[in-house]
Amino acid sequence: MKRLSILMMSIAMLAFASCSTLQQVASSNSVAAASGQSCAVATNALYKTYKSTGKIELTDLSNVTNILTVVTSYNQLKAHKNDSNYRKAFASGAVAAGTGVITSANAETFTNTLLNASGLDGVTASNIRQKTQTAATIISLFGALK
């Protein structure tokens, strides 16, 4: 138990240090950073589900909500795909909320993988269950987190 506490404190200190250095970039585009944070929180939840069950069920309301959050962030990122400042702010926001899954080491890869995802185009709350590529695209996004 003591080791776990020390480990958690160390992770928190590293996250704080990472956030401090990346905060300057995030403040330049707070919308992008907020989008990155939302995306990271949803991706983390989906990643945990996938790690524990080995799949992403589109019948689970929590999964659907998280996927729609990722899709919203994807659409915002795609709209600014040629804006390097937006992408940097998005990545730093993702790191800030990444809780160790999205780190400064993999944030750029995560952002680029999301930006290049093709299975998220046109996904909405009303058609998410008919979009067969949606879960597979989310799962492929997890490859950027390793």
Protein backbone atom coordinates (compact mmCIF):
# COMPACT_ATOMS: atom_id res chain seq x y z
CA MET A 1 0.00 0.00 0.00
CA LYS A 2 2.87 2.35 0.84
CA ARG A 3 4.52 1.63 -2.52
CA LEU A 4 1.27 2.43 -4.30
CA SER A 5 1.03 5.75 -2.47
CA ILE A 6 4.60 6.63 -3.38
CA LEU A 7 3.99 5.62 -6.99
CA MET A 8 0.82 7.72 -7.19
CA MET A 9 2.63 10.72 -5.67
CA SER A 10 5.47 10.33 -8.18
CA ILE A 11 3.02 10.17 -11.07
CA ALA A 12 1.22 13.25 -9.79
CA MET A 13 4.51 15.16 -9.50
CA LEU A 14 5.52 14.17 -13.05
CA ALA A 15 2.13 15.16 -14.39
CA PHE A 16 2.40 18.53 -12.63
CA ALA A 17 5.85 19.13 -14.10
CA SER A 18 4.63 18.19 -17.58
CA CYS A 19 1.61 20.43 -17.24
CA SER A 20 3.76 23.36 -16.15
CA THR A 21 5.97 23.23 -19.23
CA LEU A 22 3.08 22.63 -21.59
CA GLN A 23 0.82 25.25 -20.03
CA GLN A 24 2.34 28.04 -22.10
CA VAL A 25 1.29 26.33 -25.33
CA ALA A 26 -2.17 25.48 -24.00
CA SER A 27 -2.86 29.06 -22.95
CA SER A 28 -2.32 30.23 -26.55
CA ASN A 29 -5.38 28.32 -27.67
CA SER A 30 -7.69 27.43 -24.79
CA VAL A 31 -10.37 26.02 -27.10
CA ALA A 32 -7.92 23.51 -28.55
CA ALA A 33 -6.61 22.60 -25.11
CA ALA A 34 -10.14 22.08 -23.79
CA SER A 35 -10.92 19.87 -26.78
CA GLY A 36 -7.75 17.87 -26.15
CA GLN A 37 -8.67 17.47 -22.48
CA SER A 38 -12.19 16.26 -23.30
CA CYS A 39 -10.80 13.85 -25.85
CA ALA A 40 -8.23 12.50 -23.39
CA VAL A 41 -10.78 11.91 -20.64
CA ALA A 42 -13.07 10.04 -23.05
CA THR A 43 -10.17 8.11 -24.60
CA ASN A 44 -8.91 7.10 -21.16
CA ALA A 45 -12.33 5.74 -20.22
CA LEU A 46 -12.60 3.81 -23.49
CA TYR A 47 -9.03 2.55 -23.13
CA LYS A 48 -9.75 1.23 -19.63
CA THR A 49 -12.89 -0.49 -20.86
CA TYR A 50 -11.02 -2.04 -23.77
CA LYS A 51 -8.17 -3.22 -21.54
CA SER A 52 -10.57 -4.87 -19.09
CA THR A 53 -13.07 -6.39 -21.56
CA GLY A 54 -11.12 -6.62 -24.82
CA LYS A 55 -13.83 -4.81 -26.78
CA ILE A 56 -15.81 -1.61 -27.11
CA GLU A 57 -19.53 -2.34 -26.97
CA LEU A 58 -21.65 0.17 -28.87
CA THR A 59 -24.67 -0.88 -26.82
CA ASP A 60 -23.12 0.57 -23.65
CA LEU A 61 -24.30 4.16 -23.10
CA SER A 62 -21.05 5.18 -21.41
CA ASN A 63 -19.01 3.94 -24.38
CA VAL A 64 -21.31 5.71 -26.84
CA THR A 65 -21.04 8.97 -24.88
CA ASN A 66 -17.26 8.71 -24.76
CA ILE A 67 -17.02 7.90 -28.47
CA LEU A 68 -19.19 10.90 -29.31
CA THR A 69 -16.85 13.07 -27.22
CA VAL A 70 -13.87 11.72 -29.18
CA VAL A 71 -15.75 12.34 -32.44
CA THR A 72 -16.48 15.95 -31.42
CA SER A 73 -12.79 16.50 -30.66
CA TYR A 74 -11.86 14.79 -33.93
CA ASN A 75 -14.13 17.14 -35.88
CA GLN A 76 -12.66 20.18 -34.13
CA LEU A 77 -9.12 18.96 -34.76
CA LYS A 78 -9.90 18.16 -38.38
CA ALA A 79 -11.29 21.68 -38.89
CA HIS A 80 -7.90 23.05 -37.75
CA LYS A 81 -5.67 20.41 -39.34
CA ASN A 82 -3.38 22.99 -40.96
CA ASP A 83 -2.98 25.04 -37.76
CA SER A 84 0.12 23.77 -35.97
CA ASN A 85 -0.59 25.95 -32.92
CA TYR A 86 -4.04 24.39 -32.57
CA ARG A 87 -2.58 20.87 -32.84
CA LYS A 88 0.08 21.68 -30.22
CA ALA A 89 -2.52 23.13 -27.85
CA PHE A 90 -4.79 20.11 -28.43
CA ALA A 91 -1.90 17.75 -27.63
CA SER A 92 -0.94 19.64 -24.48
CA GLY A 93 -4.57 19.60 -23.34
CA ALA A 94 -4.64 15.86 -23.92
CA VAL A 95 -1.48 15.45 -21.83
CA ALA A 96 -2.96 17.59 -19.05
CA ALA A 97 -5.97 15.28 -18.80
CA GLY A 98 -4.26 12.10 -19.96
CA THR A 99 -3.67 10.67 -16.47
CA GLY A 100 -0.54 8.91 -17.64
CA VAL A 101 -2.07 7.24 -20.69
CA ILE A 102 -1.51 10.23 -22.96
CA THR A 103 1.91 11.62 -22.17
CA SER A 104 4.21 14.23 -23.65
CA ALA A 105 6.07 11.33 -25.28
CA ASN A 106 3.03 10.03 -27.20
CA ALA A 107 0.80 13.14 -27.44
CA GLU A 108 1.90 14.09 -30.94
CA THR A 109 1.43 10.53 -32.20
CA PHE A 110 -1.98 10.37 -30.50
CA THR A 111 -3.04 13.70 -32.06
CA ASN A 112 -1.84 12.71 -35.54
CA THR A 113 -3.49 9.28 -35.27
CA LEU A 114 -6.77 10.91 -34.30
CA LEU A 115 -6.44 13.50 -37.06
CA ASN A 116 -5.88 10.76 -39.66
CA ALA A 117 -8.66 8.47 -38.41
CA SER A 118 -11.12 7.79 -41.20
CA GLY A 119 -13.75 5.78 -39.33
CA LEU A 120 -15.04 8.76 -37.34
CA ASP A 121 -16.34 10.79 -40.27
CA GLY A 122 -20.08 11.36 -40.12
CA VAL A 123 -20.61 9.61 -36.77
CA THR A 124 -23.55 11.00 -34.83
CA ALA A 125 -25.60 9.89 -31.85
CA SER A 126 -28.33 8.59 -34.16
CA ASN A 127 -26.09 6.50 -36.43
CA ILE A 128 -23.22 5.39 -34.19
CA ARG A 129 -24.43 1.81 -33.94
CA GLN A 130 -24.69 1.49 -37.72
CA LYS A 131 -21.14 2.76 -38.29
CA THR A 132 -19.25 -0.52 -38.18
CA GLN A 133 -15.84 1.18 -38.39
CA THR A 134 -16.38 3.34 -35.31
CA ALA A 135 -15.26 0.89 -32.61
CA ALA A 136 -12.39 -0.39 -34.77
CA THR A 137 -11.20 3.18 -35.31
CA ILE A 138 -11.28 3.92 -31.58
CA ILE A 139 -9.37 0.71 -30.88
CA SER A 140 -6.75 1.64 -33.50
CA LEU A 141 -6.31 4.95 -31.68
CA PHE A 142 -5.14 2.98 -28.65
CA GLY A 143 -2.05 1.92 -30.63
CA ALA A 144 -0.76 5.48 -30.25
CA LEU A 145 -0.88 5.09 -26.48
CA LYS A 146 1.67 2.30 -26.19
